[in-house]
Amino acid sequence: MTKSLKAAVLVALGLLVASGHVIRAQDALPNASDLLAKSAAAMGGLDAWKKTGLSVDVDTKQPMEIMRQVQISAGSLVVIGVLLGASLHPAFYALSAFVGAGLVVAGVTGFCGMARFLALMPWNRAAKA
């Protein structure tokens, strides 16, 4: 097996692990003959990995991904702003506009203030061992 093939497999497996899922070592590299087939599956991402029947361990004790938290929070704030603007006072539409502007800034610059704020919340902090 060449060094470049080993490196490609390690990169592919690293991408799967970086996605928040843990791959069992015995499934990842049980022997050299399976390495090429499994690395091809890994190149298709986690969905392709699962389709080949390989196992994936998910740590259910981990908090929800930060971007999902941002989406839920931003969507909720927009809906709240629209409902309050329609029912109480039009000034509440500014809440929806502010959240929308924040999403545009996050998309253009890569900086998401809401993600930074949510990362500080107690449920997102690493538990002390």
C-alpha atoms as a PDB file:
ATOM      1  CA  MET A   1       0.000   0.000   0.000  1.00  0.00           C
ATOM      2  CA  THR A   2       1.365   3.390  -0.961  1.00  0.00           C
ATOM      3  CA  LYS A   3       1.859   6.337   1.352  1.00  0.00           C
ATOM      4  CA  SER A   4      -0.541   8.455  -0.690  1.00  0.00           C
ATOM      5  CA  LEU A   5      -3.330   5.864  -0.359  1.00  0.00           C
ATOM      6  CA  LYS A   6      -2.820   5.670   3.394  1.00  0.00           C
ATOM      7  CA  ALA A   7      -2.866   9.464   3.600  1.00  0.00           C
ATOM      8  CA  ALA A   8      -6.084   9.658   1.547  1.00  0.00           C
ATOM      9  CA  VAL A   9      -7.769   7.128   3.811  1.00  0.00           C
ATOM     10  CA  LEU A  10      -6.684   8.961   6.949  1.00  0.00           C
ATOM     11  CA  VAL A  11      -7.963  12.261   5.537  1.00  0.00           C
ATOM     12  CA  ALA A  12     -11.298  10.663   4.604  1.00  0.00           C
ATOM     13  CA  LEU A  13     -11.655   9.052   8.017  1.00  0.00           C
ATOM     14  CA  GLY A  14     -10.655  12.307   9.671  1.00  0.00           C
ATOM     15  CA  LEU A  15     -13.420  14.123   7.809  1.00  0.00           C
ATOM     16  CA  LEU A  16     -15.957  11.612   9.065  1.00  0.00           C
ATOM     17  CA  VAL A  17     -14.738  11.959  12.628  1.00  0.00           C
ATOM     18  CA  ALA A  18     -14.682  15.757  12.308  1.00  0.00           C
ATOM     19  CA  SER A  19     -18.357  15.666  11.375  1.00  0.00           C
ATOM     20  CA  GLY A  20     -19.145  14.694  14.972  1.00  0.00           C
ATOM     21  CA  HIS A  21     -19.380  10.962  14.476  1.00  0.00           C
ATOM     22  CA  VAL A  22     -16.937   8.394  15.789  1.00  0.00           C
ATOM     23  CA  ILE A  23     -15.926   5.438  13.644  1.00  0.00           C
ATOM     24  CA  ARG A  24     -14.874   2.242  15.345  1.00  0.00           C
ATOM     25  CA  ALA A  25     -11.269   1.375  14.587  1.00  0.00           C
ATOM     26  CA  GLN A  26     -12.128  -2.236  13.691  1.00  0.00           C
ATOM     27  CA  ASP A  27     -14.588  -0.975  11.065  1.00  0.00           C
ATOM     28  CA  ALA A  28     -12.204   1.599   9.690  1.00  0.00           C
ATOM     29  CA  LEU A  29      -9.166  -0.611   9.137  1.00  0.00           C
ATOM     30  CA  PRO A  30      -9.849  -4.313   9.837  1.00  0.00           C
ATOM     31  CA  ASN A  31      -7.314  -5.398   7.215  1.00  0.00           C
ATOM     32  CA  ALA A  32      -5.446  -3.987   4.280  1.00  0.00           C
ATOM     33  CA  SER A  33      -7.597  -5.685   1.608  1.00  0.00           C
ATOM     34  CA  ASP A  34     -10.726  -3.842   2.794  1.00  0.00           C
ATOM     35  CA  LEU A  35      -8.917  -0.535   3.017  1.00  0.00           C
ATOM     36  CA  LEU A  36      -9.483   0.550  -0.572  1.00  0.00           C
ATOM     37  CA  ALA A  37     -13.207  -0.311  -0.651  1.00  0.00           C
ATOM     38  CA  LYS A  38     -13.882   1.369   2.666  1.00  0.00           C
ATOM     39  CA  SER A  39     -11.879   4.452   1.755  1.00  0.00           C
ATOM     40  CA  ALA A  40     -13.973   4.764  -1.413  1.00  0.00           C
ATOM     41  CA  ALA A  41     -17.099   4.631   0.754  1.00  0.00           C
ATOM     42  CA  ALA A  42     -15.592   7.224   3.068  1.00  0.00           C
ATOM     43  CA  MET A  43     -14.986   9.522   0.109  1.00  0.00           C
ATOM     44  CA  GLY A  44     -18.756   9.669  -0.305  1.00  0.00           C
ATOM     45  CA  GLY A  45     -19.115  11.022   3.212  1.00  0.00           C
ATOM     46  CA  LEU A  46     -20.936   9.656   6.192  1.00  0.00           C
ATOM     47  CA  ASP A  47     -24.027   8.702   4.193  1.00  0.00           C
ATOM     48  CA  ALA A  48     -21.948   6.523   1.861  1.00  0.00           C
ATOM     49  CA  TRP A  49     -20.185   5.025   4.885  1.00  0.00           C
ATOM     50  CA  LYS A  50     -23.547   4.040   6.401  1.00  0.00           C
ATOM     51  CA  LYS A  51     -24.835   2.628   3.089  1.00  0.00           C
ATOM     52  CA  THR A  52     -21.963   0.143   3.023  1.00  0.00           C
ATOM     53  CA  GLY A  53     -23.165  -1.201   6.356  1.00  0.00           C
ATOM     54  CA  LEU A  54     -20.276   0.123   8.407  1.00  0.00           C
ATOM     55  CA  SER A  55     -21.100   1.166  11.940  1.00  0.00           C
ATOM     56  CA  VAL A  56     -21.116   4.697  13.281  1.00  0.00           C
ATOM     57  CA  ASP A  57     -21.185   5.516  16.970  1.00  0.00           C
ATOM     58  CA  VAL A  58     -23.023   8.688  17.926  1.00  0.00           C
ATOM     59  CA  ASP A  59     -22.498  10.264  21.323  1.00  0.00           C
ATOM     60  CA  THR A  60     -26.023  11.271  22.305  1.00  0.00           C
ATOM     61  CA  LYS A  61     -24.720  13.118  25.370  1.00  0.00           C
ATOM     62  CA  GLN A  62     -23.141  15.798  23.177  1.00  0.00           C
ATOM     63  CA  PRO A  63     -25.050  19.046  22.686  1.00  0.00           C
ATOM     64  CA  MET A  64     -26.774  19.829  19.418  1.00  0.00           C
ATOM     65  CA  GLU A  65     -24.419  21.215  16.752  1.00  0.00           C
ATOM     66  CA  ILE A  66     -23.902  24.957  17.129  1.00  0.00           C
ATOM     67  CA  MET A  67     -25.148  25.771  13.608  1.00  0.00           C
ATOM     68  CA  ARG A  68     -28.423  23.952  14.282  1.00  0.00           C
ATOM     69  CA  GLN A  69     -28.759  25.972  17.480  1.00  0.00           C
ATOM     70  CA  VAL A  70     -28.173  29.165  15.472  1.00  0.00           C
ATOM     71  CA  GLN A  71     -30.794  28.164  12.908  1.00  0.00           C
ATOM     72  CA  ILE A  72     -33.370  27.376  15.588  1.00  0.00           C
ATOM     73  CA  SER A  73     -32.628  30.585  17.503  1.00  0.00           C
ATOM     74  CA  ALA A  74     -32.588  32.847  14.439  1.00  0.00           C
ATOM     75  CA  GLY A  75     -35.748  31.331  13.007  1.00  0.00           C
ATOM     76  CA  SER A  76     -37.538  31.629  16.326  1.00  0.00           C
ATOM     77  CA  LEU A  77     -36.512  35.273  16.755  1.00  0.00           C
ATOM     78  CA  VAL A  78     -37.698  36.133  13.236  1.00  0.00           C
ATOM     79  CA  VAL A  79     -41.079  34.490  13.823  1.00  0.00           C
ATOM     80  CA  ILE A  80     -41.432  36.182  17.231  1.00  0.00           C
ATOM     81  CA  GLY A  81     -40.536  39.558  15.704  1.00  0.00           C
ATOM     82  CA  VAL A  82     -43.104  39.163  12.936  1.00  0.00           C
ATOM     83  CA  LEU A  83     -45.848  37.997  15.313  1.00  0.00           C
ATOM     84  CA  LEU A  84     -45.195  40.809  17.784  1.00  0.00           C
ATOM     85  CA  GLY A  85     -44.941  43.346  14.964  1.00  0.00           C
ATOM     86  CA  ALA A  86     -48.260  42.249  13.533  1.00  0.00           C
ATOM     87  CA  SER A  87     -50.102  41.991  16.832  1.00  0.00           C
ATOM     88  CA  LEU A  88     -48.591  44.599  19.195  1.00  0.00           C
ATOM     89  CA  HIS A  89     -46.490  47.269  17.538  1.00  0.00           C
ATOM     90  CA  PRO A  90     -44.725  47.570  14.162  1.00  0.00           C
ATOM     91  CA  ALA A  91     -41.446  48.397  15.930  1.00  0.00           C
ATOM     92  CA  PHE A  92     -41.061  44.686  16.708  1.00  0.00           C
ATOM     93  CA  TYR A  93     -40.361  44.093  13.009  1.00  0.00           C
ATOM     94  CA  ALA A  94     -36.930  45.534  13.801  1.00  0.00           C
ATOM     95  CA  LEU A  95     -36.137  42.308  15.684  1.00  0.00           C
ATOM     96  CA  SER A  96     -36.646  40.294  12.508  1.00  0.00           C
ATOM     97  CA  ALA A  97     -34.624  42.821  10.501  1.00  0.00           C
ATOM     98  CA  PHE A  98     -31.780  42.688  13.028  1.00  0.00           C
ATOM     99  CA  VAL A  99     -31.632  38.885  12.912  1.00  0.00           C
ATOM    100  CA  GLY A 100     -31.745  38.940   9.109  1.00  0.00           C
ATOM    101  CA  ALA A 101     -28.887  41.459   8.993  1.00  0.00           C
ATOM    102  CA  GLY A 102     -26.898  39.242  11.362  1.00  0.00           C
ATOM    103  CA  LEU A 103     -27.398  36.272   9.051  1.00  0.00           C
ATOM    104  CA  VAL A 104     -26.195  38.317   6.066  1.00  0.00           C
ATOM    105  CA  VAL A 105     -23.091  39.436   7.996  1.00  0.00           C
ATOM    106  CA  ALA A 106     -22.420  35.829   9.034  1.00  0.00           C
ATOM    107  CA  GLY A 107     -22.727  34.644   5.444  1.00  0.00           C
ATOM    108  CA  VAL A 108     -20.483  37.347   4.007  1.00  0.00           C
ATOM    109  CA  THR A 109     -17.777  37.483   6.680  1.00  0.00           C
ATOM    110  CA  GLY A 110     -17.890  34.051   8.276  1.00  0.00           C
ATOM    111  CA  PHE A 111     -18.339  35.641  11.715  1.00  0.00           C
ATOM    112  CA  CYS A 112     -21.543  34.661  13.494  1.00  0.00           C
ATOM    113  CA  GLY A 113     -22.120  36.562  16.717  1.00  0.00           C
ATOM    114  CA  MET A 114     -25.041  34.347  17.663  1.00  0.00           C
ATOM    115  CA  ALA A 115     -22.868  31.218  17.319  1.00  0.00           C
ATOM    116  CA  ARG A 116     -20.240  32.813  19.558  1.00  0.00           C
ATOM    117  CA  PHE A 117     -22.911  33.712  22.093  1.00  0.00           C
ATOM    118  CA  LEU A 118     -24.488  30.247  22.023  1.00  0.00           C
ATOM    119  CA  ALA A 119     -21.076  28.614  22.430  1.00  0.00           C
ATOM    120  CA  LEU A 120     -20.809  30.327  25.826  1.00  0.00           C
ATOM    121  CA  MET A 121     -24.054  28.813  27.082  1.00  0.00           C
ATOM    122  CA  PRO A 122     -23.737  26.202  29.853  1.00  0.00           C
ATOM    123  CA  TRP A 123     -25.132  23.344  27.750  1.00  0.00           C
ATOM    124  CA  ASN A 124     -22.355  23.863  25.177  1.00  0.00           C
ATOM    125  CA  ARG A 125     -19.473  23.816  27.621  1.00  0.00           C
ATOM    126  CA  ALA A 126     -17.318  20.737  27.902  1.00  0.00           C
ATOM    127  CA  ALA A 127     -17.953  18.759  31.056  1.00  0.00           C
ATOM    128  CA  LYS A 128     -15.050  18.683  33.457  1.00  0.00           C
ATOM    129  CA  ALA A 129     -13.668  15.205  33.873  1.00  0.00           C
END
